N, C-alpha and C. Protein backbone atom coordinates (compact mmCIF):
# COMPACT_ATOMS: atom_id res chain seq x y z
N MET A 1 6.53 -3.13 -20.03
CA MET A 1 5.98 -3.39 -18.72
C MET A 1 7.02 -3.03 -17.66
N THR A 2 6.64 -2.23 -16.70
CA THR A 2 7.53 -1.79 -15.65
C THR A 2 7.48 -2.76 -14.48
N ARG A 3 8.62 -3.12 -13.98
CA ARG A 3 8.69 -4.02 -12.84
C ARG A 3 8.68 -3.19 -11.57
N ARG A 4 7.82 -3.53 -10.63
CA ARG A 4 7.73 -2.81 -9.37
C ARG A 4 8.83 -3.28 -8.42
N SER A 5 9.29 -2.38 -7.61
CA SER A 5 10.29 -2.73 -6.60
C SER A 5 9.58 -3.45 -5.44
N GLN A 6 10.38 -4.10 -4.63
CA GLN A 6 9.85 -4.78 -3.45
C GLN A 6 9.13 -3.79 -2.55
N MET A 7 9.69 -2.59 -2.41
CA MET A 7 9.09 -1.57 -1.57
C MET A 7 7.71 -1.16 -2.10
N GLU A 8 7.59 -1.00 -3.40
CA GLU A 8 6.30 -0.64 -4.00
C GLU A 8 5.26 -1.72 -3.75
N ILE A 9 5.67 -2.97 -3.80
CA ILE A 9 4.75 -4.07 -3.54
C ILE A 9 4.27 -4.03 -2.09
N PHE A 10 5.20 -3.80 -1.16
CA PHE A 10 4.81 -3.70 0.25
C PHE A 10 3.83 -2.55 0.46
N ILE A 11 4.10 -1.43 -0.16
CA ILE A 11 3.22 -0.27 -0.02
C ILE A 11 1.85 -0.55 -0.63
N ASP A 12 1.81 -1.21 -1.77
CA ASP A 12 0.53 -1.57 -2.40
C ASP A 12 -0.29 -2.47 -1.48
N ILE A 13 0.36 -3.40 -0.82
CA ILE A 13 -0.34 -4.29 0.11
C ILE A 13 -0.85 -3.50 1.31
N LEU A 14 -0.01 -2.65 1.88
CA LEU A 14 -0.43 -1.84 3.02
C LEU A 14 -1.61 -0.93 2.64
N LYS A 15 -1.56 -0.35 1.44
CA LYS A 15 -2.68 0.47 0.98
C LYS A 15 -3.96 -0.35 0.86
N ALA A 16 -3.84 -1.57 0.36
CA ALA A 16 -5.01 -2.44 0.18
C ALA A 16 -5.64 -2.79 1.53
N VAL A 17 -4.82 -2.94 2.54
CA VAL A 17 -5.32 -3.34 3.86
C VAL A 17 -5.72 -2.12 4.69
N ALA A 18 -5.23 -0.95 4.35
CA ALA A 18 -5.50 0.25 5.14
C ALA A 18 -6.98 0.61 5.18
N ASP A 19 -7.75 0.15 4.20
CA ASP A 19 -9.18 0.46 4.15
C ASP A 19 -9.98 -0.30 5.22
N GLY A 20 -9.39 -1.29 5.83
CA GLY A 20 -10.07 -2.08 6.85
C GLY A 20 -9.61 -3.52 6.78
N LYS A 21 -10.30 -4.38 7.47
CA LYS A 21 -9.95 -5.80 7.47
C LYS A 21 -10.19 -6.36 6.08
N GLN A 22 -9.20 -7.08 5.55
CA GLN A 22 -9.29 -7.57 4.19
C GLN A 22 -8.94 -9.05 4.10
N LYS A 23 -9.62 -9.74 3.20
CA LYS A 23 -9.28 -11.13 2.91
C LYS A 23 -8.11 -11.14 1.94
N PRO A 24 -7.33 -12.22 1.96
CA PRO A 24 -6.15 -12.29 1.08
C PRO A 24 -6.49 -12.13 -0.41
N THR A 25 -7.60 -12.68 -0.86
CA THR A 25 -7.92 -12.56 -2.29
C THR A 25 -8.16 -11.10 -2.67
N HIS A 26 -8.78 -10.35 -1.79
CA HIS A 26 -9.00 -8.93 -2.06
C HIS A 26 -7.66 -8.19 -2.15
N ILE A 27 -6.77 -8.50 -1.22
CA ILE A 27 -5.43 -7.88 -1.24
C ILE A 27 -4.69 -8.26 -2.52
N MET A 28 -4.80 -9.53 -2.90
CA MET A 28 -4.12 -10.03 -4.10
C MET A 28 -4.54 -9.22 -5.33
N TYR A 29 -5.84 -9.01 -5.50
CA TYR A 29 -6.32 -8.25 -6.66
C TYR A 29 -5.95 -6.78 -6.58
N ARG A 30 -6.08 -6.18 -5.40
CA ARG A 30 -5.75 -4.76 -5.27
C ARG A 30 -4.27 -4.48 -5.46
N ALA A 31 -3.41 -5.43 -5.03
CA ALA A 31 -1.96 -5.25 -5.15
C ALA A 31 -1.42 -5.85 -6.44
N ASN A 32 -2.28 -6.49 -7.22
CA ASN A 32 -1.91 -7.08 -8.51
C ASN A 32 -0.74 -8.06 -8.37
N LEU A 33 -0.95 -9.07 -7.52
CA LEU A 33 0.09 -10.07 -7.26
C LEU A 33 -0.46 -11.47 -7.50
N SER A 34 0.45 -12.40 -7.74
CA SER A 34 0.05 -13.80 -7.80
C SER A 34 -0.18 -14.29 -6.37
N TRP A 35 -0.90 -15.40 -6.25
CA TRP A 35 -1.21 -15.95 -4.94
C TRP A 35 0.07 -16.32 -4.18
N THR A 36 1.02 -16.96 -4.83
CA THR A 36 2.26 -17.38 -4.19
C THR A 36 3.06 -16.18 -3.70
N ARG A 37 3.19 -15.19 -4.55
CA ARG A 37 3.96 -13.99 -4.17
C ARG A 37 3.26 -13.25 -3.03
N LEU A 38 1.94 -13.18 -3.10
CA LEU A 38 1.18 -12.51 -2.04
C LEU A 38 1.44 -13.17 -0.70
N GLN A 39 1.40 -14.49 -0.66
CA GLN A 39 1.60 -15.22 0.59
C GLN A 39 2.96 -14.89 1.21
N LYS A 40 3.99 -14.81 0.39
CA LYS A 40 5.33 -14.47 0.89
C LYS A 40 5.36 -13.04 1.45
N GLN A 41 4.72 -12.11 0.74
CA GLN A 41 4.72 -10.72 1.18
C GLN A 41 3.91 -10.54 2.46
N LEU A 42 2.76 -11.20 2.54
CA LEU A 42 1.93 -11.12 3.75
C LEU A 42 2.68 -11.69 4.95
N ASP A 43 3.37 -12.79 4.73
CA ASP A 43 4.16 -13.39 5.81
C ASP A 43 5.24 -12.43 6.29
N PHE A 44 5.93 -11.79 5.35
CA PHE A 44 6.98 -10.84 5.71
C PHE A 44 6.40 -9.65 6.49
N LEU A 45 5.31 -9.06 5.98
CA LEU A 45 4.73 -7.89 6.63
C LEU A 45 4.15 -8.24 8.00
N THR A 46 3.68 -9.46 8.16
CA THR A 46 3.19 -9.91 9.46
C THR A 46 4.35 -10.07 10.44
N LYS A 47 5.45 -10.66 9.98
CA LYS A 47 6.63 -10.81 10.84
C LYS A 47 7.23 -9.46 11.23
N GLN A 48 7.08 -8.47 10.35
CA GLN A 48 7.58 -7.12 10.63
C GLN A 48 6.60 -6.31 11.48
N GLU A 49 5.49 -6.94 11.87
CA GLU A 49 4.44 -6.33 12.70
C GLU A 49 3.77 -5.13 12.04
N MET A 50 3.67 -5.18 10.71
CA MET A 50 2.94 -4.14 9.98
C MET A 50 1.52 -4.59 9.68
N LEU A 51 1.30 -5.90 9.70
CA LEU A 51 -0.02 -6.49 9.53
C LEU A 51 -0.25 -7.52 10.61
N ILE A 52 -1.53 -7.73 10.94
CA ILE A 52 -1.88 -8.85 11.80
C ILE A 52 -2.93 -9.66 11.06
N ASN A 53 -2.88 -10.97 11.28
CA ASN A 53 -3.87 -11.82 10.65
C ASN A 53 -4.72 -12.49 11.71
N THR A 54 -5.99 -12.67 11.37
CA THR A 54 -6.94 -13.27 12.28
C THR A 54 -7.71 -14.35 11.54
N GLU A 55 -7.84 -15.51 12.16
CA GLU A 55 -8.62 -16.59 11.57
C GLU A 55 -10.10 -16.35 11.90
N VAL A 56 -10.92 -16.41 10.87
CA VAL A 56 -12.37 -16.29 11.02
C VAL A 56 -13.01 -17.53 10.42
N ASP A 57 -14.32 -17.64 10.54
CA ASP A 57 -15.03 -18.83 10.05
C ASP A 57 -14.73 -19.15 8.59
N ASP A 58 -14.67 -18.13 7.76
CA ASP A 58 -14.49 -18.37 6.32
C ASP A 58 -13.09 -18.08 5.82
N GLY A 59 -12.09 -18.13 6.70
CA GLY A 59 -10.71 -17.94 6.26
C GLY A 59 -9.91 -17.02 7.17
N THR A 60 -9.02 -16.29 6.55
CA THR A 60 -8.13 -15.37 7.27
C THR A 60 -8.38 -13.95 6.80
N ILE A 61 -8.31 -13.01 7.73
CA ILE A 61 -8.38 -11.60 7.36
C ILE A 61 -7.12 -10.91 7.89
N TYR A 62 -6.74 -9.86 7.19
CA TYR A 62 -5.56 -9.07 7.58
C TYR A 62 -5.99 -7.66 7.93
N LYS A 63 -5.29 -7.12 8.89
CA LYS A 63 -5.55 -5.74 9.32
C LYS A 63 -4.21 -5.05 9.49
N ILE A 64 -4.16 -3.78 9.14
CA ILE A 64 -2.93 -3.00 9.30
C ILE A 64 -2.75 -2.64 10.77
N THR A 65 -1.52 -2.66 11.22
CA THR A 65 -1.19 -2.30 12.60
C THR A 65 -0.81 -0.82 12.67
N PRO A 66 -0.70 -0.27 13.87
CA PRO A 66 -0.22 1.11 13.98
C PRO A 66 1.15 1.30 13.32
N LYS A 67 2.03 0.32 13.44
CA LYS A 67 3.34 0.40 12.79
C LYS A 67 3.19 0.44 11.27
N GLY A 68 2.29 -0.39 10.72
CA GLY A 68 2.03 -0.39 9.29
C GLY A 68 1.45 0.94 8.82
N LYS A 69 0.55 1.52 9.62
CA LYS A 69 -0.01 2.83 9.29
C LYS A 69 1.07 3.91 9.27
N GLU A 70 1.97 3.82 10.24
CA GLU A 70 3.07 4.78 10.32
C GLU A 70 3.95 4.70 9.08
N VAL A 71 4.28 3.49 8.66
CA VAL A 71 5.10 3.30 7.46
C VAL A 71 4.37 3.83 6.23
N LEU A 72 3.08 3.55 6.12
CA LEU A 72 2.30 4.02 4.98
C LEU A 72 2.22 5.55 4.95
N GLU A 73 2.01 6.17 6.09
CA GLU A 73 1.97 7.64 6.16
C GLU A 73 3.32 8.24 5.80
N TYR A 74 4.39 7.61 6.27
CA TYR A 74 5.73 8.08 5.93
C TYR A 74 5.95 8.04 4.42
N PHE A 75 5.55 6.93 3.79
CA PHE A 75 5.67 6.81 2.34
C PHE A 75 4.84 7.87 1.63
N LYS A 76 3.64 8.12 2.10
CA LYS A 76 2.78 9.14 1.47
C LYS A 76 3.42 10.53 1.57
N ARG A 77 4.06 10.82 2.70
CA ARG A 77 4.75 12.12 2.84
C ARG A 77 5.90 12.22 1.85
N ILE A 78 6.68 11.16 1.71
CA ILE A 78 7.79 11.16 0.75
C ILE A 78 7.26 11.31 -0.66
N GLU A 79 6.21 10.55 -0.98
CA GLU A 79 5.61 10.63 -2.31
C GLU A 79 5.11 12.05 -2.59
N GLY A 80 4.51 12.67 -1.58
CA GLY A 80 4.03 14.04 -1.73
C GLY A 80 5.16 15.02 -2.02
N GLU A 81 6.27 14.83 -1.35
CA GLU A 81 7.43 15.69 -1.59
C GLU A 81 8.03 15.46 -2.97
N LEU A 82 8.10 14.21 -3.39
CA LEU A 82 8.70 13.89 -4.69
C LEU A 82 7.86 14.42 -5.85
N TYR A 83 6.55 14.38 -5.69
CA TYR A 83 5.67 14.77 -6.79
C TYR A 83 5.00 16.11 -6.56
N TYR A 84 5.46 16.85 -5.57
CA TYR A 84 4.88 18.14 -5.24
C TYR A 84 4.87 19.08 -6.43
N LYS A 85 5.98 19.22 -7.11
CA LYS A 85 6.08 20.15 -8.24
C LYS A 85 5.17 19.74 -9.39
N LYS A 86 4.98 18.45 -9.59
CA LYS A 86 4.09 18.00 -10.66
C LYS A 86 2.66 18.45 -10.39
N ARG A 87 2.25 18.46 -9.14
CA ARG A 87 0.89 18.87 -8.81
C ARG A 87 0.73 20.38 -8.90
N VAL A 88 1.76 21.13 -8.59
CA VAL A 88 1.67 22.58 -8.53
C VAL A 88 1.87 23.22 -9.90
N LEU A 89 2.72 22.66 -10.71
CA LEU A 89 3.11 23.26 -11.98
C LEU A 89 1.94 23.65 -12.88
N PRO A 90 0.96 22.78 -13.16
CA PRO A 90 -0.13 23.19 -14.05
C PRO A 90 -0.87 24.43 -13.54
N THR A 91 -1.07 24.51 -12.24
CA THR A 91 -1.75 25.68 -11.67
C THR A 91 -0.92 26.94 -11.90
N GLN A 92 0.37 26.86 -11.69
CA GLN A 92 1.23 28.01 -11.88
C GLN A 92 1.25 28.45 -13.34
N VAL A 93 1.23 27.52 -14.25
CA VAL A 93 1.26 27.85 -15.68
C VAL A 93 -0.02 28.56 -16.08
N TYR A 94 -1.17 28.02 -15.65
CA TYR A 94 -2.44 28.58 -16.10
C TYR A 94 -2.78 29.89 -15.43
N VAL A 95 -2.18 30.21 -14.29
CA VAL A 95 -2.45 31.48 -13.62
C VAL A 95 -2.07 32.65 -14.53
N HIS A 96 -1.04 32.50 -15.32
CA HIS A 96 -0.57 33.58 -16.18
C HIS A 96 -1.55 33.89 -17.32
N TYR A 97 -2.45 32.98 -17.62
CA TYR A 97 -3.37 33.17 -18.74
C TYR A 97 -4.76 33.61 -18.30
N ARG A 98 -4.97 33.88 -17.04
CA ARG A 98 -6.29 34.31 -16.55
C ARG A 98 -6.47 35.79 -16.65
């Protein structure tokens, strides 16, 4: 079992919330976290102004902020650069056999 870094957990949470307003239980399942750990991470991301929380009739919902979107996009660009060759390599290999 591979242990995720703190950064990966933050990114997983931001990805879970990027789809729209989300309830904490939805984020917990999408980010594969325990309830206690999720609460700590949500609190941190809210204090960092990457998420905002709003109280509604049936609980709390979280929404990603422009700053959170910027961080998520930055991570996606880095991820794209790191794994760029993995995506291109199979195409380059099979071109020779056509």
